[in-house]
C-alpha cells in the first residue's frame, strides 16, 4: 500500500513539473507559439476553399518567420554555452529548411500542384523541430538548467515579437 502512495505522489509531482506554470517566460512564450502553430496546421487540414487556405497559410508563415527570428536573434545566441552546440546548430539548419519551404509555398497559390503537400510537410517538419526543442534533454530543458535569466530574456523576446509582427504584417497588404 505504501508503494502505491509513493508512486502516486511521484507521478503527481512529475505532472506538475511538466506544466507550463514553472517554465520561465522565454520558454513559456516559445511553447505558446508552438501550440498556436500546431493548431493552425491541424485547422489547415480541414479547409477546402483556396481563399481560406491562403489566409491561414499566411498566418502560419508570419508566425513562423517571427518565431524563428526571435529564436535566432535572442534565444539561441544567448543560450550558446548553456545548450549543447550540436543541438543549437541543428536548430539553425532546421530553421533554414523551414524558411526555404515557406518561401516555396509563398511563391505558389493554393490549388497548384504540391501546394497542400508542401504545407503538410512544413507542418511535419515544424512538429519534429518542436519535439526536439521541448523533449527531455532538448534545448528548453538544457536552457532551464543554465545560468541565463530566462524571465528577463522572455521580456526581450516579447518586445521583439511585437516589433516583428508589426513590421512583417504591414507589407502583406495589397
C-alpha atoms as a PDB file:
ATOM      1  CA  UNK A   1       0.000   0.000   0.000  1.00  0.00           C
ATOM      2  CA  UNK A   2       2.844   2.407   0.834  1.00  0.00           C
ATOM      3  CA  UNK A   3       4.403   1.752  -2.585  1.00  0.00           C
ATOM      4  CA  UNK A   4       1.203   2.778  -4.370  1.00  0.00           C
ATOM      5  CA  UNK A   5       1.059   6.020  -2.405  1.00  0.00           C
ATOM      6  CA  UNK A   6       4.695   6.838  -3.189  1.00  0.00           C
ATOM      7  CA  UNK A   7       4.164   6.067  -6.869  1.00  0.00           C
ATOM      8  CA  UNK A   8       1.042   8.219  -6.970  1.00  0.00           C
ATOM      9  CA  UNK A   9       2.703  11.225  -5.379  1.00  0.00           C
ATOM     10  CA  UNK A  10       5.768  10.798  -7.641  1.00  0.00           C
ATOM     11  CA  UNK A  11       3.507  10.787 -10.695  1.00  0.00           C
ATOM     12  CA  UNK A  12       1.649  13.805  -9.403  1.00  0.00           C
ATOM     13  CA  UNK A  13       4.906  15.718  -8.880  1.00  0.00           C
ATOM     14  CA  UNK A  14       6.054  14.873 -12.400  1.00  0.00           C
ATOM     15  CA  UNK A  15       2.842  16.160 -13.934  1.00  0.00           C
ATOM     16  CA  UNK A  16       3.217  19.418 -12.050  1.00  0.00           C
ATOM     17  CA  UNK A  17       6.753  19.870 -13.372  1.00  0.00           C
ATOM     18  CA  UNK A  18       5.636  19.260 -16.925  1.00  0.00           C
ATOM     19  CA  UNK A  19       3.064  22.024 -16.948  1.00  0.00           C
ATOM     20  CA  UNK A  20       3.995  25.428 -18.279  1.00  0.00           C
ATOM     21  CA  UNK A  21       3.435  27.027 -14.859  1.00  0.00           C
ATOM     22  CA  UNK A  22       7.014  26.518 -13.767  1.00  0.00           C
ATOM     23  CA  UNK A  23       8.615  27.398 -17.074  1.00  0.00           C
ATOM     24  CA  UNK A  24      10.461  30.727 -17.257  1.00  0.00           C
ATOM     25  CA  UNK A  25       8.942  33.362 -19.525  1.00  0.00           C
ATOM     26  CA  UNK A  26      11.242  32.736 -22.517  1.00  0.00           C
ATOM     27  CA  UNK A  27      10.303  29.053 -22.634  1.00  0.00           C
ATOM     28  CA  UNK A  28       6.629  29.767 -21.961  1.00  0.00           C
ATOM     29  CA  UNK A  29       6.434  32.207 -24.884  1.00  0.00           C
ATOM     30  CA  UNK A  30       8.127  29.812 -27.297  1.00  0.00           C
ATOM     31  CA  UNK A  31       5.913  26.911 -26.225  1.00  0.00           C
ATOM     32  CA  UNK A  32       2.833  29.088 -26.641  1.00  0.00           C
ATOM     33  CA  UNK A  33       3.897  29.842 -30.218  1.00  0.00           C
ATOM     34  CA  UNK A  34       4.412  26.115 -30.808  1.00  0.00           C
ATOM     35  CA  UNK A  35       0.901  25.216 -29.635  1.00  0.00           C
ATOM     36  CA  UNK A  36      -0.655  28.021 -31.681  1.00  0.00           C
ATOM     37  CA  UNK A  37       1.031  26.986 -34.940  1.00  0.00           C
ATOM     38  CA  UNK A  38       0.338  23.288 -34.340  1.00  0.00           C
ATOM     39  CA  UNK A  39      -3.354  24.159 -34.023  1.00  0.00           C
ATOM     40  CA  UNK A  40      -3.285  26.134 -37.254  1.00  0.00           C
ATOM     41  CA  UNK A  41      -1.675  23.248 -39.141  1.00  0.00           C
ATOM     42  CA  UNK A  42      -4.435  20.963 -37.847  1.00  0.00           C
ATOM     43  CA  UNK A  43      -7.041  23.523 -38.894  1.00  0.00           C
ATOM     44  CA  UNK A  44      -5.460  23.819 -42.365  1.00  0.00           C
ATOM     45  CA  UNK A  45      -6.021  20.081 -42.919  1.00  0.00           C
ATOM     46  CA  UNK A  46      -9.788  20.656 -42.620  1.00  0.00           C
ATOM     47  CA  UNK A  47     -10.010  23.514 -45.138  1.00  0.00           C
ATOM     48  CA  UNK A  48     -11.216  23.128 -48.704  1.00  0.00           C
ATOM     49  CA  UNK A  49     -11.578  26.681 -50.032  1.00  0.00           C
ATOM     50  CA  UNK A  50      -8.427  28.105 -51.612  1.00  0.00           C
ATOM     51  CA  UNK A  51      -9.020  31.562 -50.129  1.00  0.00           C
ATOM     52  CA  UNK A  52      -9.235  30.106 -46.606  1.00  0.00           C
ATOM     53  CA  UNK A  53      -6.107  28.012 -47.183  1.00  0.00           C
ATOM     54  CA  UNK A  54      -4.169  31.044 -48.375  1.00  0.00           C
ATOM     55  CA  UNK A  55      -5.305  33.200 -45.445  1.00  0.00           C
ATOM     56  CA  UNK A  56      -4.413  30.539 -42.889  1.00  0.00           C
ATOM     57  CA  UNK A  57      -1.079  29.737 -44.522  1.00  0.00           C
ATOM     58  CA  UNK A  58      -0.202  33.456 -44.499  1.00  0.00           C
ATOM     59  CA  UNK A  59      -0.955  33.479 -40.767  1.00  0.00           C
ATOM     60  CA  UNK A  60       1.194  30.361 -40.221  1.00  0.00           C
ATOM     61  CA  UNK A  61       4.061  31.763 -42.303  1.00  0.00           C
ATOM     62  CA  UNK A  62       4.079  35.073 -40.429  1.00  0.00           C
ATOM     63  CA  UNK A  63       4.067  33.335 -37.054  1.00  0.00           C
ATOM     64  CA  UNK A  64       6.906  31.003 -38.080  1.00  0.00           C
ATOM     65  CA  UNK A  65       9.029  33.810 -39.517  1.00  0.00           C
ATOM     66  CA  UNK A  66       8.659  35.880 -36.357  1.00  0.00           C
ATOM     67  CA  UNK A  67       9.238  32.887 -34.092  1.00  0.00           C
ATOM     68  CA  UNK A  68      12.387  31.753 -35.888  1.00  0.00           C
ATOM     69  CA  UNK A  69      13.792  35.268 -35.963  1.00  0.00           C
ATOM     70  CA  UNK A  70      13.241  35.702 -32.227  1.00  0.00           C
ATOM     71  CA  UNK A  71      14.922  32.384 -31.537  1.00  0.00           C
ATOM     72  CA  UNK A  72      17.842  33.200 -33.835  1.00  0.00           C
ATOM     73  CA  UNK A  73      18.323  36.791 -32.619  1.00  0.00           C
ATOM     74  CA  UNK A  74      17.816  36.276 -28.906  1.00  0.00           C
ATOM     75  CA  UNK A  75      17.202  32.769 -27.563  1.00  0.00           C
ATOM     76  CA  UNK A  76      19.780  30.670 -29.417  1.00  0.00           C
ATOM     77  CA  UNK A  77      22.705  33.112 -29.226  1.00  0.00           C
ATOM     78  CA  UNK A  78      22.154  33.757 -25.531  1.00  0.00           C
ATOM     79  CA  UNK A  79      21.871  30.032 -24.834  1.00  0.00           C
ATOM     80  CA  UNK A  80      25.115  29.200 -26.662  1.00  0.00           C
ATOM     81  CA  UNK A  81      27.306  27.775 -23.928  1.00  0.00           C
ATOM     82  CA  UNK A  82      24.292  26.698 -21.849  1.00  0.00           C
ATOM     83  CA  UNK A  83      22.923  24.355 -24.532  1.00  0.00           C
ATOM     84  CA  UNK A  84      24.986  21.800 -26.449  1.00  0.00           C
ATOM     85  CA  UNK A  85      26.416  23.314 -29.655  1.00  0.00           C
ATOM     86  CA  UNK A  86      25.292  20.378 -31.821  1.00  0.00           C
ATOM     87  CA  UNK A  87      21.659  20.828 -30.792  1.00  0.00           C
ATOM     88  CA  UNK A  88      21.730  24.574 -31.487  1.00  0.00           C
ATOM     89  CA  UNK A  89      23.482  24.030 -34.829  1.00  0.00           C
ATOM     90  CA  UNK A  90      20.788  21.549 -35.855  1.00  0.00           C
ATOM     91  CA  UNK A  91      18.078  24.014 -34.833  1.00  0.00           C
ATOM     92  CA  UNK A  92      19.578  26.701 -37.097  1.00  0.00           C
ATOM     93  CA  UNK A  93      19.694  24.218 -40.000  1.00  0.00           C
ATOM     94  CA  UNK A  94      16.085  23.182 -39.340  1.00  0.00           C
ATOM     95  CA  UNK A  95      15.071  26.849 -39.359  1.00  0.00           C
ATOM     96  CA  UNK A  96      16.808  27.354 -42.711  1.00  0.00           C
ATOM     97  CA  UNK A  97      14.951  24.379 -44.175  1.00  0.00           C
ATOM     98  CA  UNK A  98      11.622  25.672 -42.895  1.00  0.00           C
ATOM     99  CA  UNK A  99      12.307  29.164 -44.266  1.00  0.00           C
ATOM    100  CA  UNK A 100      13.095  27.709 -47.690  1.00  0.00           C
ATOM    101  CA  UNK A 101       9.889  25.676 -47.715  1.00  0.00           C
ATOM    102  CA  UNK A 102       7.860  28.704 -46.591  1.00  0.00           C
ATOM    103  CA  UNK A 103       9.347  30.735 -49.463  1.00  0.00           C
ATOM    104  CA  UNK A 104       8.445  27.972 -51.942  1.00  0.00           C
ATOM    105  CA  UNK A 105       4.864  27.863 -50.672  1.00  0.00           C
ATOM    106  CA  UNK A 106       4.558  31.664 -50.716  1.00  0.00           C
ATOM    107  CA  UNK A 107       5.588  31.639 -54.393  1.00  0.00           C
ATOM    108  CA  UNK A 108       2.634  29.339 -55.123  1.00  0.00           C
ATOM    109  CA  UNK A 109      -1.143  29.560 -54.971  1.00  0.00           C
ATOM    110  CA  UNK A 110      -3.498  27.106 -53.290  1.00  0.00           C
ATOM    111  CA  UNK A 111      -4.732  24.612 -55.846  1.00  0.00           C
ATOM    112  CA  UNK A 112      -1.367  24.403 -57.582  1.00  0.00           C
ATOM    113  CA  UNK A 113       0.321  21.034 -57.720  1.00  0.00           C
ATOM    114  CA  UNK A 114       2.035  20.161 -54.416  1.00  0.00           C
ATOM    115  CA  UNK A 115       0.775  23.265 -52.550  1.00  0.00           C
ATOM    116  CA  UNK A 116      -1.140  21.276 -49.930  1.00  0.00           C
ATOM    117  CA  UNK A 117       1.607  18.637 -49.803  1.00  0.00           C
ATOM    118  CA  UNK A 118       4.222  21.295 -49.070  1.00  0.00           C
ATOM    119  CA  UNK A 119       2.095  22.821 -46.311  1.00  0.00           C
ATOM    120  CA  UNK A 120       1.638  19.332 -44.831  1.00  0.00           C
ATOM    121  CA  UNK A 121       5.394  18.632 -44.980  1.00  0.00           C
ATOM    122  CA  UNK A 122       6.121  22.020 -43.387  1.00  0.00           C
ATOM    123  CA  UNK A 123       3.759  21.113 -40.543  1.00  0.00           C
ATOM    124  CA  UNK A 124       5.512  17.782 -40.037  1.00  0.00           C
ATOM    125  CA  UNK A 125       8.893  19.494 -40.173  1.00  0.00           C
ATOM    126  CA  UNK A 126       7.816  22.025 -37.537  1.00  0.00           C
ATOM    127  CA  UNK A 127       6.377  19.261 -35.352  1.00  0.00           C
ATOM    128  CA  UNK A 128       9.748  17.471 -35.465  1.00  0.00           C
ATOM    129  CA  UNK A 129      11.618  20.688 -34.620  1.00  0.00           C
ATOM    130  CA  UNK A 130       9.267  21.451 -31.709  1.00  0.00           C
ATOM    131  CA  UNK A 131       9.721  17.930 -30.331  1.00  0.00           C
ATOM    132  CA  UNK A 132      13.496  18.367 -30.361  1.00  0.00           C
ATOM    133  CA  UNK A 133      13.251  21.689 -28.542  1.00  0.00           C
ATOM    134  CA  UNK A 134      10.760  20.510 -25.929  1.00  0.00           C
ATOM    135  CA  UNK A 135      11.874  16.936 -25.239  1.00  0.00           C
ATOM    136  CA  UNK A 136      13.748  15.992 -22.062  1.00  0.00           C
ATOM    137  CA  UNK A 137      17.370  16.928 -22.673  1.00  0.00           C
ATOM    138  CA  UNK A 138      16.338  19.236 -25.528  1.00  0.00           C
ATOM    139  CA  UNK A 139      17.069  22.924 -25.950  1.00  0.00           C
ATOM    140  CA  UNK A 140      14.473  24.114 -23.438  1.00  0.00           C
ATOM    141  CA  UNK A 141      15.477  21.588 -20.785  1.00  0.00           C
ATOM    142  CA  UNK A 142      19.137  22.492 -21.141  1.00  0.00           C
ATOM    143  CA  UNK A 143      18.374  26.215 -21.139  1.00  0.00           C
ATOM    144  CA  UNK A 144      16.400  25.913 -17.890  1.00  0.00           C
ATOM    145  CA  UNK A 145      19.415  24.302 -16.205  1.00  0.00           C
ATOM    146  CA  UNK A 146      21.715  27.155 -17.267  1.00  0.00           C
ATOM    147  CA  UNK A 147      22.576  30.470 -15.653  1.00  0.00           C
ATOM    148  CA  UNK A 148      20.715  32.777 -18.055  1.00  0.00           C
ATOM    149  CA  UNK A 149      17.804  34.807 -16.685  1.00  0.00           C
ATOM    150  CA  UNK A 150      15.107  33.313 -18.902  1.00  0.00           C
ATOM    151  CA  UNK A 151      12.430  35.611 -17.498  1.00  0.00           C
ATOM    152  CA  UNK A 152      14.363  38.740 -18.480  1.00  0.00           C
ATOM    153  CA  UNK A 153      15.138  37.147 -21.843  1.00  0.00           C
ATOM    154  CA  UNK A 154      11.415  36.440 -22.220  1.00  0.00           C
ATOM    155  CA  UNK A 155      10.644  40.134 -21.768  1.00  0.00           C
ATOM    156  CA  UNK A 156      13.105  40.998 -24.562  1.00  0.00           C
ATOM    157  CA  UNK A 157      11.619  38.298 -26.750  1.00  0.00           C
ATOM    158  CA  UNK A 158       8.082  39.527 -26.127  1.00  0.00           C
ATOM    159  CA  UNK A 159       9.029  43.086 -27.099  1.00  0.00           C
ATOM    160  CA  UNK A 160      10.879  41.903 -30.209  1.00  0.00           C
ATOM    161  CA  UNK A 161       7.930  39.741 -31.241  1.00  0.00           C
ATOM    162  CA  UNK A 162       5.617  42.756 -31.110  1.00  0.00           C
ATOM    163  CA  UNK A 163       8.057  44.761 -33.274  1.00  0.00           C
ATOM    164  CA  UNK A 164       8.431  41.960 -35.814  1.00  0.00           C
ATOM    165  CA  UNK A 165       4.695  41.248 -36.024  1.00  0.00           C
ATOM    166  CA  UNK A 166       4.017  44.892 -36.824  1.00  0.00           C
ATOM    167  CA  UNK A 167       6.943  45.076 -39.256  1.00  0.00           C
ATOM    168  CA  UNK A 168       6.268  41.828 -41.132  1.00  0.00           C
ATOM    169  CA  UNK A 169       2.497  42.069 -41.202  1.00  0.00           C
ATOM    170  CA  UNK A 170       2.463  45.572 -42.722  1.00  0.00           C
ATOM    171  CA  UNK A 171       3.882  44.773 -46.213  1.00  0.00           C
ATOM    172  CA  UNK A 172       1.352  41.944 -46.769  1.00  0.00           C
ATOM    173  CA  UNK A 173      -1.433  44.445 -47.510  1.00  0.00           C
ATOM    174  CA  UNK A 174      -2.002  44.540 -51.272  1.00  0.00           C
END
